[in-house]
Amino acid sequence: MLKPADPGPPPPERPVGELVSELIDEGKAYARAEIGLAKAIAAAKARALALPAGLFAAAFIFALAAITALAVGVVIALETFIGPLAAGFVGMLIFAGIAGGLGWYGYERLRRDF
C-alpha cells in the first residue's frame, strides 16, 4: 500500500501587512493590464473603421452633389414653363417636401422603435 507523501514543513507565515501590500500591488498591475488591453482593442477598432468612415464620407459628398444636380435639373426644366424665379421656388418646395417627408418618417420610426 502506498503511503501519502510527506507534505514537509509548513511554509513560513508572512505578516498580514506584507500580504495585503502584495495583493494591492497585484491588483494595480491587473487593472493596468486591463486598461492597456481595452486601449489596444479600441485602437484596433478605430484603425479598422478609419477607411470605411472615409469612404462613407466621400459617398455622402457625392450623394449631395447628385441631389444638387437633380435639383438644378428640375429648376431648369421648370424654367421653360413658369420662369426662373417661380421655377426656383417650386423646385425648393419640391425638395423641401421630400426632406420634410423623410424627416417625418424617420421621426415616426424613432418613436415607434423606442
N, C-alpha and C. Protein backbone atom coordinates (compact mmCIF):
# COMPACT_ATOMS: atom_id res chain seq x y z
N MET A 1 0.84 -1.17 0.00
CA MET A 1 0.00 0.00 0.00
C MET A 1 0.89 1.24 0.00
N LEU A 2 0.45 2.25 -0.74
CA LEU A 2 1.23 3.48 -0.84
C LEU A 2 0.98 4.37 0.35
N LYS A 3 2.05 4.97 0.77
CA LYS A 3 1.93 5.92 1.87
C LYS A 3 1.76 7.31 1.29
N PRO A 4 0.98 8.18 1.93
CA PRO A 4 0.88 9.56 1.43
C PRO A 4 2.23 10.25 1.50
N ALA A 5 2.45 11.14 0.55
CA ALA A 5 3.72 11.87 0.51
C ALA A 5 3.81 12.78 1.72
N ASP A 6 5.02 12.91 2.19
CA ASP A 6 5.26 13.78 3.34
C ASP A 6 5.13 15.23 2.89
N PRO A 7 4.18 15.98 3.43
CA PRO A 7 4.00 17.36 2.99
C PRO A 7 5.18 18.25 3.32
N GLY A 8 6.01 17.84 4.16
CA GLY A 8 7.17 18.65 4.52
C GLY A 8 6.80 19.70 5.54
N PRO A 9 7.74 20.54 5.83
CA PRO A 9 7.44 21.56 6.84
C PRO A 9 6.48 22.60 6.27
N PRO A 10 5.61 23.15 7.11
CA PRO A 10 4.69 24.19 6.61
C PRO A 10 5.46 25.43 6.17
N PRO A 11 4.95 26.14 5.16
CA PRO A 11 5.65 27.35 4.71
C PRO A 11 5.65 28.39 5.82
N PRO A 12 6.69 29.19 5.84
CA PRO A 12 6.74 30.21 6.90
C PRO A 12 5.60 31.22 6.71
N GLU A 13 5.04 31.63 7.80
CA GLU A 13 3.94 32.61 7.74
C GLU A 13 4.50 34.00 7.49
N ARG A 14 3.80 34.70 6.59
CA ARG A 14 4.21 36.08 6.28
C ARG A 14 3.27 37.02 7.01
N PRO A 15 3.75 38.20 7.32
CA PRO A 15 2.89 39.16 8.02
C PRO A 15 1.70 39.57 7.13
N VAL A 16 0.58 39.87 7.76
CA VAL A 16 -0.64 40.25 7.04
C VAL A 16 -0.41 41.53 6.24
N GLY A 17 0.31 42.47 6.79
CA GLY A 17 0.59 43.72 6.08
C GLY A 17 1.32 43.49 4.78
N GLU A 18 2.26 42.55 4.79
CA GLU A 18 3.01 42.24 3.58
C GLU A 18 2.09 41.59 2.54
N LEU A 19 1.22 40.68 2.99
CA LEU A 19 0.28 40.03 2.07
C LEU A 19 -0.70 41.03 1.47
N VAL A 20 -1.21 41.95 2.29
CA VAL A 20 -2.14 42.96 1.79
C VAL A 20 -1.43 43.88 0.80
N SER A 21 -0.21 44.26 1.10
CA SER A 21 0.56 45.12 0.19
C SER A 21 0.78 44.41 -1.15
N GLU A 22 1.12 43.12 -1.09
CA GLU A 22 1.34 42.36 -2.32
C GLU A 22 0.03 42.24 -3.11
N LEU A 23 -1.07 42.01 -2.41
CA LEU A 23 -2.38 41.92 -3.07
C LEU A 23 -2.74 43.23 -3.75
N ILE A 24 -2.49 44.34 -3.11
CA ILE A 24 -2.79 45.65 -3.69
C ILE A 24 -1.93 45.89 -4.93
N ASP A 25 -0.65 45.55 -4.83
CA ASP A 25 0.25 45.74 -5.98
C ASP A 25 -0.18 44.88 -7.17
N GLU A 26 -0.56 43.63 -6.89
CA GLU A 26 -1.01 42.76 -7.98
C GLU A 26 -2.34 43.25 -8.56
N GLY A 27 -3.21 43.78 -7.71
CA GLY A 27 -4.47 44.35 -8.20
C GLY A 27 -4.23 45.55 -9.10
N LYS A 28 -3.29 46.41 -8.71
CA LYS A 28 -2.96 47.57 -9.55
C LYS A 28 -2.39 47.12 -10.89
N ALA A 29 -1.50 46.12 -10.85
CA ALA A 29 -0.91 45.63 -12.09
C ALA A 29 -1.98 45.02 -13.00
N TYR A 30 -2.92 44.30 -12.40
CA TYR A 30 -4.02 43.72 -13.18
C TYR A 30 -4.89 44.80 -13.80
N ALA A 31 -5.20 45.84 -13.02
CA ALA A 31 -6.02 46.94 -13.54
C ALA A 31 -5.31 47.64 -14.69
N ARG A 32 -4.00 47.86 -14.54
CA ARG A 32 -3.23 48.50 -15.63
C ARG A 32 -3.24 47.63 -16.88
N ALA A 33 -3.11 46.32 -16.69
CA ALA A 33 -3.13 45.41 -17.84
C ALA A 33 -4.50 45.42 -18.52
N GLU A 34 -5.57 45.46 -17.74
CA GLU A 34 -6.91 45.52 -18.33
C GLU A 34 -7.13 46.82 -19.10
N ILE A 35 -6.67 47.92 -18.53
CA ILE A 35 -6.79 49.22 -19.22
C ILE A 35 -5.98 49.21 -20.51
N GLY A 36 -4.78 48.64 -20.45
CA GLY A 36 -3.96 48.54 -21.66
C GLY A 36 -4.63 47.70 -22.73
N LEU A 37 -5.26 46.61 -22.31
CA LEU A 37 -5.98 45.76 -23.26
C LEU A 37 -7.16 46.50 -23.88
N ALA A 38 -7.91 47.22 -23.06
CA ALA A 38 -9.05 47.99 -23.58
C ALA A 38 -8.58 49.06 -24.56
N LYS A 39 -7.47 49.72 -24.24
CA LYS A 39 -6.93 50.73 -25.16
C LYS A 39 -6.49 50.09 -26.48
N ALA A 40 -5.86 48.94 -26.40
CA ALA A 40 -5.39 48.26 -27.61
C ALA A 40 -6.58 47.83 -28.47
N ILE A 41 -7.63 47.33 -27.84
CA ILE A 41 -8.82 46.92 -28.60
C ILE A 41 -9.47 48.14 -29.26
N ALA A 42 -9.58 49.24 -28.51
CA ALA A 42 -10.19 50.45 -29.06
C ALA A 42 -9.35 51.00 -30.23
N ALA A 43 -8.04 50.98 -30.09
CA ALA A 43 -7.17 51.47 -31.16
C ALA A 43 -7.30 50.60 -32.40
N ALA A 44 -7.38 49.29 -32.21
CA ALA A 44 -7.51 48.39 -33.36
C ALA A 44 -8.85 48.61 -34.06
N LYS A 45 -9.91 48.81 -33.29
CA LYS A 45 -11.21 49.06 -33.90
C LYS A 45 -11.22 50.41 -34.63
N ALA A 46 -10.57 51.41 -34.06
CA ALA A 46 -10.51 52.73 -34.70
C ALA A 46 -9.74 52.63 -36.03
N ARG A 47 -8.63 51.89 -36.03
CA ARG A 47 -7.88 51.73 -37.28
C ARG A 47 -8.71 50.98 -38.32
N ALA A 48 -9.48 49.99 -37.86
CA ALA A 48 -10.29 49.21 -38.80
C ALA A 48 -11.44 50.04 -39.37
N LEU A 49 -11.93 51.03 -38.61
CA LEU A 49 -13.06 51.84 -39.06
C LEU A 49 -12.65 53.09 -39.83
N ALA A 50 -11.37 53.40 -39.86
CA ALA A 50 -10.92 54.64 -40.50
C ALA A 50 -11.24 54.66 -41.99
N LEU A 51 -10.89 53.61 -42.72
CA LEU A 51 -11.14 53.59 -44.16
C LEU A 51 -12.63 53.56 -44.49
N PRO A 52 -13.42 52.69 -43.85
CA PRO A 52 -14.86 52.73 -44.15
C PRO A 52 -15.50 54.08 -43.83
N ALA A 53 -15.07 54.73 -42.76
CA ALA A 53 -15.63 56.04 -42.43
C ALA A 53 -15.29 57.06 -43.52
N GLY A 54 -14.08 57.02 -44.01
CA GLY A 54 -13.69 57.91 -45.10
C GLY A 54 -14.48 57.65 -46.37
N LEU A 55 -14.71 56.37 -46.66
CA LEU A 55 -15.48 56.03 -47.85
C LEU A 55 -16.93 56.48 -47.71
N PHE A 56 -17.51 56.32 -46.51
CA PHE A 56 -18.88 56.80 -46.30
C PHE A 56 -18.96 58.32 -46.42
N ALA A 57 -17.95 59.02 -45.93
CA ALA A 57 -17.93 60.48 -46.05
C ALA A 57 -17.87 60.89 -47.53
N ALA A 58 -17.03 60.22 -48.31
CA ALA A 58 -16.94 60.53 -49.74
C ALA A 58 -18.25 60.20 -50.44
N ALA A 59 -18.87 59.08 -50.07
CA ALA A 59 -20.16 58.72 -50.67
C ALA A 59 -21.22 59.76 -50.33
N PHE A 60 -21.20 60.28 -49.11
CA PHE A 60 -22.15 61.31 -48.71
C PHE A 60 -21.96 62.59 -49.52
N ILE A 61 -20.71 62.98 -49.75
CA ILE A 61 -20.44 64.18 -50.54
C ILE A 61 -20.93 64.00 -51.98
N PHE A 62 -20.68 62.83 -52.55
CA PHE A 62 -21.15 62.58 -53.91
C PHE A 62 -22.67 62.50 -53.99
N ALA A 63 -23.30 61.98 -52.94
CA ALA A 63 -24.77 61.95 -52.91
C ALA A 63 -25.32 63.37 -52.85
N LEU A 64 -24.69 64.25 -52.07
CA LEU A 64 -25.11 65.66 -52.04
C LEU A 64 -24.95 66.31 -53.41
N ALA A 65 -23.85 65.99 -54.07
CA ALA A 65 -23.64 66.55 -55.41
C ALA A 65 -24.71 66.05 -56.38
N ALA A 66 -25.08 64.78 -56.27
CA ALA A 66 -26.11 64.22 -57.15
C ALA A 66 -27.46 64.88 -56.89
N ILE A 67 -27.80 65.08 -55.64
CA ILE A 67 -29.08 65.72 -55.32
C ILE A 67 -29.08 67.18 -55.78
N THR A 68 -27.95 67.85 -55.65
CA THR A 68 -27.86 69.23 -56.14
C THR A 68 -28.04 69.27 -57.65
N ALA A 69 -27.41 68.33 -58.35
CA ALA A 69 -27.56 68.29 -59.80
C ALA A 69 -29.02 68.00 -60.19
N LEU A 70 -29.67 67.12 -59.44
CA LEU A 70 -31.07 66.83 -59.70
C LEU A 70 -31.93 68.08 -59.47
N ALA A 71 -31.67 68.79 -58.39
CA ALA A 71 -32.44 70.00 -58.10
C ALA A 71 -32.24 71.05 -59.18
N VAL A 72 -31.01 71.22 -59.64
CA VAL A 72 -30.74 72.18 -60.71
C VAL A 72 -31.46 71.76 -61.99
N GLY A 73 -31.43 70.46 -62.26
CA GLY A 73 -32.13 69.98 -63.45
C GLY A 73 -33.63 70.21 -63.38
N VAL A 74 -34.22 70.01 -62.21
CA VAL A 74 -35.66 70.26 -62.04
C VAL A 74 -35.96 71.73 -62.26
N VAL A 75 -35.15 72.59 -61.67
CA VAL A 75 -35.39 74.04 -61.81
C VAL A 75 -35.23 74.46 -63.27
N ILE A 76 -34.23 73.95 -63.94
CA ILE A 76 -34.03 74.31 -65.36
C ILE A 76 -35.20 73.80 -66.21
N ALA A 77 -35.68 72.59 -65.90
CA ALA A 77 -36.81 72.06 -66.67
C ALA A 77 -38.07 72.89 -66.42
N LEU A 78 -38.29 73.31 -65.18
CA LEU A 78 -39.48 74.11 -64.87
C LEU A 78 -39.36 75.53 -65.41
N GLU A 79 -38.15 76.01 -65.57
CA GLU A 79 -37.93 77.39 -66.01
C GLU A 79 -38.57 77.66 -67.37
N THR A 80 -38.56 76.68 -68.23
CA THR A 80 -39.14 76.89 -69.56
C THR A 80 -40.65 77.08 -69.50
N PHE A 81 -41.28 76.58 -68.44
CA PHE A 81 -42.74 76.68 -68.32
C PHE A 81 -43.20 77.86 -67.47
N ILE A 82 -42.51 78.16 -66.37
CA ILE A 82 -43.04 79.16 -65.44
C ILE A 82 -42.07 80.28 -65.10
N GLY A 83 -40.91 80.34 -65.71
CA GLY A 83 -39.96 81.41 -65.45
C GLY A 83 -38.94 81.01 -64.38
N PRO A 84 -37.81 81.72 -64.36
CA PRO A 84 -36.71 81.30 -63.48
C PRO A 84 -37.02 81.44 -61.98
N LEU A 85 -37.63 82.54 -61.57
CA LEU A 85 -37.89 82.75 -60.15
C LEU A 85 -38.93 81.75 -59.63
N ALA A 86 -39.99 81.59 -60.34
CA ALA A 86 -41.03 80.63 -59.93
C ALA A 86 -40.50 79.20 -59.98
N ALA A 87 -39.67 78.89 -60.96
CA ALA A 87 -39.09 77.54 -61.06
C ALA A 87 -38.19 77.26 -59.85
N GLY A 88 -37.42 78.25 -59.44
CA GLY A 88 -36.59 78.09 -58.25
C GLY A 88 -37.43 77.85 -57.01
N PHE A 89 -38.53 78.61 -56.90
CA PHE A 89 -39.41 78.47 -55.74
C PHE A 89 -40.10 77.10 -55.74
N VAL A 90 -40.60 76.67 -56.90
CA VAL A 90 -41.27 75.37 -56.99
C VAL A 90 -40.27 74.24 -56.73
N GLY A 91 -39.06 74.36 -57.27
CA GLY A 91 -38.04 73.35 -57.00
C GLY A 91 -37.71 73.27 -55.52
N MET A 92 -37.63 74.44 -54.87
CA MET A 92 -37.38 74.46 -53.43
C MET A 92 -38.51 73.78 -52.68
N LEU A 93 -39.76 74.04 -53.08
CA LEU A 93 -40.90 73.41 -52.43
C LEU A 93 -40.89 71.90 -52.61
N ILE A 94 -40.54 71.45 -53.80
CA ILE A 94 -40.50 70.00 -54.07
C ILE A 94 -39.48 69.32 -53.15
N PHE A 95 -38.27 69.85 -53.13
CA PHE A 95 -37.22 69.20 -52.33
C PHE A 95 -37.40 69.43 -50.84
N ALA A 96 -38.00 70.53 -50.44
CA ALA A 96 -38.32 70.73 -49.03
C ALA A 96 -39.41 69.74 -48.60
N GLY A 97 -40.38 69.49 -49.48
CA GLY A 97 -41.40 68.49 -49.17
C GLY A 97 -40.82 67.10 -49.02
N ILE A 98 -39.90 66.75 -49.91
CA ILE A 98 -39.25 65.44 -49.80
C ILE A 98 -38.46 65.34 -48.50
N ALA A 99 -37.71 66.39 -48.18
CA ALA A 99 -36.93 66.40 -46.93
C ALA A 99 -37.84 66.32 -45.72
N GLY A 100 -38.93 67.06 -45.74
CA GLY A 100 -39.88 67.02 -44.64
C GLY A 100 -40.51 65.64 -44.49
N GLY A 101 -40.88 65.03 -45.61
CA GLY A 101 -41.46 63.68 -45.55
C GLY A 101 -40.49 62.65 -45.01
N LEU A 102 -39.25 62.72 -45.46
CA LEU A 102 -38.24 61.79 -44.95
C LEU A 102 -37.97 62.03 -43.46
N GLY A 103 -37.90 63.30 -43.07
CA GLY A 103 -37.70 63.62 -41.65
C GLY A 103 -38.85 63.15 -40.79
N TRP A 104 -40.08 63.34 -41.28
CA TRP A 104 -41.26 62.89 -40.53
C TRP A 104 -41.27 61.36 -40.40
N TYR A 105 -40.95 60.67 -41.50
CA TYR A 105 -40.91 59.21 -41.46
C TYR A 105 -39.85 58.72 -40.48
N GLY A 106 -38.68 59.35 -40.49
CA GLY A 106 -37.63 58.98 -39.55
C GLY A 106 -38.04 59.22 -38.11
N TYR A 107 -38.72 60.33 -37.87
CA TYR A 107 -39.19 60.64 -36.51
C TYR A 107 -40.22 59.61 -36.05
N GLU A 108 -41.15 59.25 -36.94
CA GLU A 108 -42.17 58.26 -36.58
C GLU A 108 -41.54 56.89 -36.31
N ARG A 109 -40.56 56.51 -37.11
CA ARG A 109 -39.88 55.23 -36.87
C ARG A 109 -39.14 55.26 -35.56
N LEU A 110 -38.53 56.39 -35.25
CA LEU A 110 -37.81 56.51 -33.98
C LEU A 110 -38.76 56.41 -32.81
N ARG A 111 -39.90 57.07 -32.90
CA ARG A 111 -40.91 56.98 -31.83
C ARG A 111 -41.45 55.57 -31.70
N ARG A 112 -41.67 54.90 -32.82
CA ARG A 112 -42.24 53.56 -32.79
C ARG A 112 -41.25 52.54 -32.21
N ASP A 113 -39.99 52.66 -32.61
CA ASP A 113 -38.99 51.68 -32.19
C ASP A 113 -38.47 51.90 -30.78
N PHE A 114 -38.52 53.14 -30.31
CA PHE A 114 -38.02 53.43 -28.96
C PHE A 114 -39.15 54.02 -28.19
